[in-house]
Amino acid sequence: MNLLAIDTALENCSVGLASGGVVFSRVETIGKGHAERLMPEIAALLAEAGVSAASLDRIVVSIGPGSFTGLRVGISAARGLALVHRIPVVGVGTLQVHAALAKRERGEVADRPILALLPARGDDLYGQLFSANAEPVGEAVLEAMPFFAELAAQSGADLAGAGAARLGSSGRILHDRSAPDIATLLELGAALDPAGHPPKPLYVRPPDAKPQLHKGIARR
């Protein structure tokens, strides 16, 4: 399988390709400007691997939580390539990628769940609880730190993601990454069913900019 992975959810512009048992990747921390960097990075990656876009069998893309603009860039690119070449796309949440990486880095047989966390605004966090096998237990939510501190204490979960340190000593931190790991995204993209994981953005919170419906101009 030729599998392309795209992540522009947070500060990284990352692309990966699994082809013939070999993994190629290009990871750049840019903060902003994903729209300008993504397609050249994909072209360079495909050229390095000697794989054409037409020979791709599947695409996987991170769907959030993350930057509204970054998510739109990555998901639009994945959908566009999939439409042109008629290939399936798998959408994977950033928190699920963090949980899967945490399971791998834990390196032990454990029955403790994994609580993946990312910073939001103020004292809020994005979070999602996963089983010890990194399978979702609940939905991704946006809540204040005390909510997740209590959840970590009650579940006995290990912690993962850039928001984990905010909980202090509420649990063992397996990793504190912000942007998803592109190799882990490739693994999940190969394993998950596209039919059950569509490339739809997972914003969790509503956008800051909202249409001012009450100020619309009436038609004559």
C-alpha atoms as a PDB file:
ATOM      1  CA  MET A   1       0.000   0.000   0.000  1.00  0.00           C
ATOM      2  CA  ASN A   2       1.137   3.535  -0.811  1.00  0.00           C
ATOM      3  CA  LEU A   3      -0.197   5.620   2.074  1.00  0.00           C
ATOM      4  CA  LEU A   4       0.193   9.390   2.323  1.00  0.00           C
ATOM      5  CA  ALA A   5      -0.189  11.150   5.696  1.00  0.00           C
ATOM      6  CA  ILE A   6      -0.866  14.873   6.129  1.00  0.00           C
ATOM      7  CA  ASP A   7      -0.758  16.870   9.347  1.00  0.00           C
ATOM      8  CA  THR A   8      -1.282  20.636   9.530  1.00  0.00           C
ATOM      9  CA  ALA A   9      -3.429  20.642  12.688  1.00  0.00           C
ATOM     10  CA  LEU A  10      -1.010  22.586  14.882  1.00  0.00           C
ATOM     11  CA  GLU A  11       2.467  24.136  14.558  1.00  0.00           C
ATOM     12  CA  ASN A  12       3.948  21.510  12.239  1.00  0.00           C
ATOM     13  CA  CYS A  13       3.546  21.080   8.521  1.00  0.00           C
ATOM     14  CA  SER A  14       4.182  17.346   8.256  1.00  0.00           C
ATOM     15  CA  VAL A  15       3.805  14.798   5.497  1.00  0.00           C
ATOM     16  CA  GLY A  16       4.666  11.121   5.513  1.00  0.00           C
ATOM     17  CA  LEU A  17       4.582   8.285   3.037  1.00  0.00           C
ATOM     18  CA  ALA A  18       4.612   4.538   3.655  1.00  0.00           C
ATOM     19  CA  SER A  19       5.523   2.653   0.501  1.00  0.00           C
ATOM     20  CA  GLY A  20       6.876  -0.869   0.086  1.00  0.00           C
ATOM     21  CA  GLY A  21       7.725  -1.175   3.766  1.00  0.00           C
ATOM     22  CA  VAL A  22       9.713   2.074   3.762  1.00  0.00           C
ATOM     23  CA  VAL A  23       8.601   5.256   5.536  1.00  0.00           C
ATOM     24  CA  PHE A  24       9.492   8.687   4.197  1.00  0.00           C
ATOM     25  CA  SER A  25       8.691  11.880   6.073  1.00  0.00           C
ATOM     26  CA  ARG A  26       9.162  15.625   5.992  1.00  0.00           C
ATOM     27  CA  VAL A  27       8.410  17.565   9.197  1.00  0.00           C
ATOM     28  CA  GLU A  28       8.725  21.331   9.494  1.00  0.00           C
ATOM     29  CA  THR A  29       7.709  23.470  12.479  1.00  0.00           C
ATOM     30  CA  ILE A  30       6.302  26.656  10.975  1.00  0.00           C
ATOM     31  CA  GLY A  31       3.517  27.848  13.277  1.00  0.00           C
ATOM     32  CA  LYS A  32       1.637  29.508  10.419  1.00  0.00           C
ATOM     33  CA  GLY A  33       1.731  29.415   6.627  1.00  0.00           C
ATOM     34  CA  HIS A  34       0.587  25.830   6.095  1.00  0.00           C
ATOM     35  CA  ALA A  35      -1.270  26.726   2.908  1.00  0.00           C
ATOM     36  CA  GLU A  36       1.939  27.902   1.245  1.00  0.00           C
ATOM     37  CA  ARG A  37       4.104  24.998   2.426  1.00  0.00           C
ATOM     38  CA  LEU A  38       1.912  21.908   2.248  1.00  0.00           C
ATOM     39  CA  MET A  39       1.629  21.133  -1.478  1.00  0.00           C
ATOM     40  CA  PRO A  40       5.354  21.727  -2.192  1.00  0.00           C
ATOM     41  CA  GLU A  41       6.173  19.419   0.722  1.00  0.00           C
ATOM     42  CA  ILE A  42       3.872  16.712  -0.647  1.00  0.00           C
ATOM     43  CA  ALA A  43       5.431  17.048  -4.115  1.00  0.00           C
ATOM     44  CA  ALA A  44       8.953  16.837  -2.670  1.00  0.00           C
ATOM     45  CA  LEU A  45       8.060  13.788  -0.569  1.00  0.00           C
ATOM     46  CA  LEU A  46       6.530  11.920  -3.505  1.00  0.00           C
ATOM     47  CA  ALA A  47       9.566  12.748  -5.653  1.00  0.00           C
ATOM     48  CA  GLU A  48      11.942  11.510  -2.931  1.00  0.00           C
ATOM     49  CA  ALA A  49      10.049   8.217  -2.673  1.00  0.00           C
ATOM     50  CA  GLY A  50       9.611   7.844  -6.427  1.00  0.00           C
ATOM     51  CA  VAL A  51       5.840   7.533  -6.029  1.00  0.00           C
ATOM     52  CA  SER A  52       3.267   9.378  -8.120  1.00  0.00           C
ATOM     53  CA  ALA A  53       0.093  10.837  -6.664  1.00  0.00           C
ATOM     54  CA  ALA A  54      -1.900   8.619  -9.013  1.00  0.00           C
ATOM     55  CA  SER A  55      -0.382   5.498  -7.420  1.00  0.00           C
ATOM     56  CA  LEU A  56      -1.506   6.381  -3.888  1.00  0.00           C
ATOM     57  CA  ASP A  57      -3.869   3.830  -2.339  1.00  0.00           C
ATOM     58  CA  ARG A  58      -4.995   5.861   0.677  1.00  0.00           C
ATOM     59  CA  ILE A  59      -4.540   9.205   2.404  1.00  0.00           C
ATOM     60  CA  VAL A  60      -4.739   9.876   6.144  1.00  0.00           C
ATOM     61  CA  VAL A  61      -5.118  13.368   7.598  1.00  0.00           C
ATOM     62  CA  SER A  62      -5.281  14.802  11.109  1.00  0.00           C
ATOM     63  CA  ILE A  63      -8.691  16.364  11.774  1.00  0.00           C
ATOM     64  CA  GLY A  64      -8.283  18.163  15.108  1.00  0.00           C
ATOM     65  CA  PRO A  65      -8.633  19.582  17.625  1.00  0.00           C
ATOM     66  CA  GLY A  66      -6.229  22.179  16.315  1.00  0.00           C
ATOM     67  CA  SER A  67      -5.950  25.410  14.398  1.00  0.00           C
ATOM     68  CA  PHE A  68      -9.058  26.222  12.359  1.00  0.00           C
ATOM     69  CA  THR A  69      -6.951  27.414   9.418  1.00  0.00           C
ATOM     70  CA  GLY A  70      -4.444  24.584   9.645  1.00  0.00           C
ATOM     71  CA  LEU A  71      -7.150  21.941   9.749  1.00  0.00           C
ATOM     72  CA  ARG A  72      -8.879  23.379   6.697  1.00  0.00           C
ATOM     73  CA  VAL A  73      -5.612  23.383   4.758  1.00  0.00           C
ATOM     74  CA  GLY A  74      -4.743  19.765   5.486  1.00  0.00           C
ATOM     75  CA  ILE A  75      -8.243  18.360   5.076  1.00  0.00           C
ATOM     76  CA  SER A  76      -8.848  20.286   1.846  1.00  0.00           C
ATOM     77  CA  ALA A  77      -5.583  18.983   0.387  1.00  0.00           C
ATOM     78  CA  ALA A  78      -6.430  15.406   1.350  1.00  0.00           C
ATOM     79  CA  ARG A  79      -9.927  15.656  -0.080  1.00  0.00           C
ATOM     80  CA  GLY A  80      -8.681  17.268  -3.275  1.00  0.00           C
ATOM     81  CA  LEU A  81      -6.071  14.595  -3.946  1.00  0.00           C
ATOM     82  CA  ALA A  82      -8.575  11.872  -3.107  1.00  0.00           C
ATOM     83  CA  LEU A  83     -11.181  13.308  -5.463  1.00  0.00           C
ATOM     84  CA  VAL A  84      -8.784  13.616  -8.381  1.00  0.00           C
ATOM     85  CA  HIS A  85      -7.300  10.145  -7.955  1.00  0.00           C
ATOM     86  CA  ARG A  86     -10.393   8.400  -6.559  1.00  0.00           C
ATOM     87  CA  ILE A  87      -8.814   7.057  -3.402  1.00  0.00           C
ATOM     88  CA  PRO A  88     -10.156   6.780   0.171  1.00  0.00           C
ATOM     89  CA  VAL A  89      -9.259   9.217   2.955  1.00  0.00           C
ATOM     90  CA  VAL A  90      -9.030   8.433   6.671  1.00  0.00           C
ATOM     91  CA  GLY A  91      -9.545  11.230   9.193  1.00  0.00           C
ATOM     92  CA  VAL A  92      -7.823  10.776  12.577  1.00  0.00           C
ATOM     93  CA  GLY A  93      -8.120  13.036  15.625  1.00  0.00           C
ATOM     94  CA  THR A  94      -4.962  14.619  16.974  1.00  0.00           C
ATOM     95  CA  LEU A  95      -5.746  13.301  20.451  1.00  0.00           C
ATOM     96  CA  GLN A  96      -6.006   9.763  19.111  1.00  0.00           C
ATOM     97  CA  VAL A  97      -2.578  10.107  17.507  1.00  0.00           C
ATOM     98  CA  HIS A  98      -1.189  11.250  20.860  1.00  0.00           C
ATOM     99  CA  ALA A  99      -2.807   8.314  22.644  1.00  0.00           C
ATOM    100  CA  ALA A 100      -1.422   5.813  20.131  1.00  0.00           C
ATOM    101  CA  LEU A 101       2.068   7.295  20.474  1.00  0.00           C
ATOM    102  CA  ALA A 102       1.760   7.157  24.272  1.00  0.00           C
ATOM    103  CA  LYS A 103       0.807   3.484  24.135  1.00  0.00           C
ATOM    104  CA  ARG A 104       3.890   2.754  22.026  1.00  0.00           C
ATOM    105  CA  GLU A 105       6.222   4.804  24.211  1.00  0.00           C
ATOM    106  CA  ARG A 106       4.867   3.247  27.397  1.00  0.00           C
ATOM    107  CA  GLY A 107       6.620   0.078  26.264  1.00  0.00           C
ATOM    108  CA  GLU A 108       4.913  -2.178  28.786  1.00  0.00           C
ATOM    109  CA  VAL A 109       1.774  -4.214  29.202  1.00  0.00           C
ATOM    110  CA  ALA A 110      -0.563  -1.973  31.179  1.00  0.00           C
ATOM    111  CA  ASP A 111      -4.243  -1.740  31.960  1.00  0.00           C
ATOM    112  CA  ARG A 112      -4.177   1.979  32.712  1.00  0.00           C
ATOM    113  CA  PRO A 113      -6.148   4.168  30.320  1.00  0.00           C
ATOM    114  CA  ILE A 114      -4.568   7.117  28.521  1.00  0.00           C
ATOM    115  CA  LEU A 115      -5.834  10.685  28.814  1.00  0.00           C
ATOM    116  CA  ALA A 116      -4.654  12.791  25.871  1.00  0.00           C
ATOM    117  CA  LEU A 117      -4.623  16.558  26.432  1.00  0.00           C
ATOM    118  CA  LEU A 118      -3.871  19.672  24.391  1.00  0.00           C
ATOM    119  CA  PRO A 119      -3.856  23.308  25.565  1.00  0.00           C
ATOM    120  CA  ALA A 120      -6.779  25.512  24.633  1.00  0.00           C
ATOM    121  CA  ARG A 121      -7.401  29.104  25.707  1.00  0.00           C
ATOM    122  CA  GLY A 122      -6.875  30.218  29.274  1.00  0.00           C
ATOM    123  CA  ASP A 123      -7.238  27.362  31.739  1.00  0.00           C
ATOM    124  CA  ASP A 124      -9.129  25.173  29.298  1.00  0.00           C
ATOM    125  CA  LEU A 125      -7.874  21.968  27.710  1.00  0.00           C
ATOM    126  CA  TYR A 126      -8.921  19.733  24.868  1.00  0.00           C
ATOM    127  CA  GLY A 127      -9.009  16.183  26.143  1.00  0.00           C
ATOM    128  CA  GLN A 128     -10.120  12.655  25.369  1.00  0.00           C
ATOM    129  CA  LEU A 129      -9.936   9.440  27.352  1.00  0.00           C
ATOM    130  CA  PHE A 130      -8.657   6.278  25.687  1.00  0.00           C
ATOM    131  CA  SER A 131      -8.337   2.671  26.792  1.00  0.00           C
ATOM    132  CA  ALA A 132      -4.968   1.104  27.543  1.00  0.00           C
ATOM    133  CA  ASN A 133      -4.942   0.029  23.884  1.00  0.00           C
ATOM    134  CA  ALA A 134      -5.452   3.641  22.756  1.00  0.00           C
ATOM    135  CA  GLU A 135      -9.035   3.078  21.668  1.00  0.00           C
ATOM    136  CA  PRO A 136     -11.460   5.985  22.304  1.00  0.00           C
ATOM    137  CA  VAL A 137     -13.535   5.661  25.465  1.00  0.00           C
ATOM    138  CA  GLY A 138     -15.384   8.959  25.047  1.00  0.00           C
ATOM    139  CA  GLU A 139     -15.572  11.946  22.735  1.00  0.00           C
ATOM    140  CA  ALA A 140     -13.052  14.778  22.602  1.00  0.00           C
ATOM    141  CA  VAL A 141     -14.204  17.645  24.835  1.00  0.00           C
ATOM    142  CA  LEU A 142     -13.183  21.155  25.817  1.00  0.00           C
ATOM    143  CA  GLU A 143     -13.187  21.633  29.592  1.00  0.00           C
ATOM    144  CA  ALA A 144     -11.346  23.450  32.387  1.00  0.00           C
ATOM    145  CA  MET A 145      -8.311  21.862  34.044  1.00  0.00           C
ATOM    146  CA  PRO A 146     -10.154  20.729  37.228  1.00  0.00           C
ATOM    147  CA  PHE A 147     -12.450  18.576  35.091  1.00  0.00           C
ATOM    148  CA  PHE A 148      -9.512  16.682  33.594  1.00  0.00           C
ATOM    149  CA  ALA A 149      -7.648  16.500  36.903  1.00  0.00           C
ATOM    150  CA  GLU A 150     -10.655  14.736  38.405  1.00  0.00           C
ATOM    151  CA  LEU A 151     -11.006  12.489  35.350  1.00  0.00           C
ATOM    152  CA  ALA A 152      -7.341  11.502  35.569  1.00  0.00           C
ATOM    153  CA  ALA A 153      -7.653  10.750  39.276  1.00  0.00           C
ATOM    154  CA  GLN A 154     -10.824   8.708  38.924  1.00  0.00           C
ATOM    155  CA  SER A 155      -9.621   6.702  35.918  1.00  0.00           C
ATOM    156  CA  GLY A 156      -6.000   6.268  37.017  1.00  0.00           C
ATOM    157  CA  ALA A 157      -4.949   7.307  33.537  1.00  0.00           C
ATOM    158  CA  ASP A 158      -1.488   7.999  32.240  1.00  0.00           C
ATOM    159  CA  LEU A 159      -1.246  11.374  30.476  1.00  0.00           C
ATOM    160  CA  ALA A 160      -0.113  12.385  27.000  1.00  0.00           C
ATOM    161  CA  GLY A 161       0.113  15.560  24.946  1.00  0.00           C
ATOM    162  CA  ALA A 162       1.213  19.147  25.445  1.00  0.00           C
ATOM    163  CA  GLY A 163      -1.581  19.853  27.937  1.00  0.00           C
ATOM    164  CA  ALA A 164      -0.569  17.059  30.307  1.00  0.00           C
ATOM    165  CA  ALA A 165       1.895  19.135  32.330  1.00  0.00           C
ATOM    166  CA  ARG A 166      -0.885  21.525  33.328  1.00  0.00           C
ATOM    167  CA  LEU A 167      -2.392  18.848  35.542  1.00  0.00           C
ATOM    168  CA  GLY A 168       0.688  18.733  37.743  1.00  0.00           C
ATOM    169  CA  SER A 169       0.990  15.397  39.532  1.00  0.00           C
ATOM    170  CA  SER A 170      -2.380  14.046  38.423  1.00  0.00           C
ATOM    171  CA  GLY A 171      -0.768  11.204  36.472  1.00  0.00           C
ATOM    172  CA  ARG A 172       2.360   9.890  34.785  1.00  0.00           C
ATOM    173  CA  ILE A 173       3.167  11.837  31.610  1.00  0.00           C
ATOM    174  CA  LEU A 174       4.093   9.514  28.748  1.00  0.00           C
ATOM    175  CA  HIS A 175       4.909  12.317  26.320  1.00  0.00           C
ATOM    176  CA  ASP A 176       4.264  16.053  26.037  1.00  0.00           C
ATOM    177  CA  ARG A 177       4.094  16.568  22.278  1.00  0.00           C
ATOM    178  CA  SER A 178       1.910  19.221  20.712  1.00  0.00           C
ATOM    179  CA  ALA A 179       1.782  18.341  17.008  1.00  0.00           C
ATOM    180  CA  PRO A 180       0.882  14.748  16.088  1.00  0.00           C
ATOM    181  CA  ASP A 181       3.654  12.277  15.270  1.00  0.00           C
ATOM    182  CA  ILE A 182       3.567  11.653  11.518  1.00  0.00           C
ATOM    183  CA  ALA A 183       4.775   8.027  11.792  1.00  0.00           C
ATOM    184  CA  THR A 184       1.972   7.247  14.251  1.00  0.00           C
ATOM    185  CA  LEU A 185      -0.535   8.945  11.940  1.00  0.00           C
ATOM    186  CA  LEU A 186       0.636   6.648   9.136  1.00  0.00           C
ATOM    187  CA  GLU A 187       0.131   3.579  11.345  1.00  0.00           C
ATOM    188  CA  LEU A 188      -3.392   4.606  12.276  1.00  0.00           C
ATOM    189  CA  GLY A 189      -4.236   5.462   8.678  1.00  0.00           C
ATOM    190  CA  ALA A 190      -3.279   1.979   7.579  1.00  0.00           C
ATOM    191  CA  ALA A 191      -5.282   0.294  10.346  1.00  0.00           C
ATOM    192  CA  LEU A 192      -8.511   2.303  10.472  1.00  0.00           C
ATOM    193  CA  ASP A 193     -11.505   1.872   8.166  1.00  0.00           C
ATOM    194  CA  PRO A 194     -12.081   4.948   5.969  1.00  0.00           C
ATOM    195  CA  ALA A 195     -15.840   4.345   6.127  1.00  0.00           C
ATOM    196  CA  GLY A 196     -15.850   4.899   9.878  1.00  0.00           C
ATOM    197  CA  HIS A 197     -13.302   7.719   9.987  1.00  0.00           C
ATOM    198  CA  PRO A 198     -14.226  10.414   7.466  1.00  0.00           C
ATOM    199  CA  PRO A 199     -12.002  13.475   6.909  1.00  0.00           C
ATOM    200  CA  LYS A 200     -14.280  15.907   8.720  1.00  0.00           C
ATOM    201  CA  PRO A 201     -12.789  18.629  10.940  1.00  0.00           C
ATOM    202  CA  LEU A 202     -13.072  18.066  14.684  1.00  0.00           C
ATOM    203  CA  TYR A 203     -13.139  21.609  16.036  1.00  0.00           C
ATOM    204  CA  VAL A 204     -14.698  20.793  19.474  1.00  0.00           C
ATOM    205  CA  ARG A 205     -15.239  24.508  20.099  1.00  0.00           C
ATOM    206  CA  PRO A 206     -17.149  26.883  17.782  1.00  0.00           C
ATOM    207  CA  PRO A 207     -15.206  29.266  15.520  1.00  0.00           C
ATOM    208  CA  ASP A 208     -14.357  32.752  16.792  1.00  0.00           C
ATOM    209  CA  ALA A 209     -15.780  34.457  13.720  1.00  0.00           C
ATOM    210  CA  LYS A 210     -19.525  34.058  13.346  1.00  0.00           C
ATOM    211  CA  PRO A 211     -21.841  35.508  10.692  1.00  0.00           C
ATOM    212  CA  GLN A 212     -23.764  38.568  11.882  1.00  0.00           C
ATOM    213  CA  LEU A 213     -27.133  37.339  10.770  1.00  0.00           C
ATOM    214  CA  HIS A 214     -29.027  40.172  12.431  1.00  0.00           C
ATOM    215  CA  LYS A 215     -27.145  42.704  10.315  1.00  0.00           C
ATOM    216  CA  GLY A 216     -27.977  41.190   6.956  1.00  0.00           C
ATOM    217  CA  ILE A 217     -29.423  43.354   4.209  1.00  0.00           C
ATOM    218  CA  ALA A 218     -32.983  42.449   3.337  1.00  0.00           C
ATOM    219  CA  ARG A 219     -33.655  41.501  -0.263  1.00  0.00           C
ATOM    220  CA  ARG A 220     -36.172  43.522  -2.246  1.00  0.00           C
END
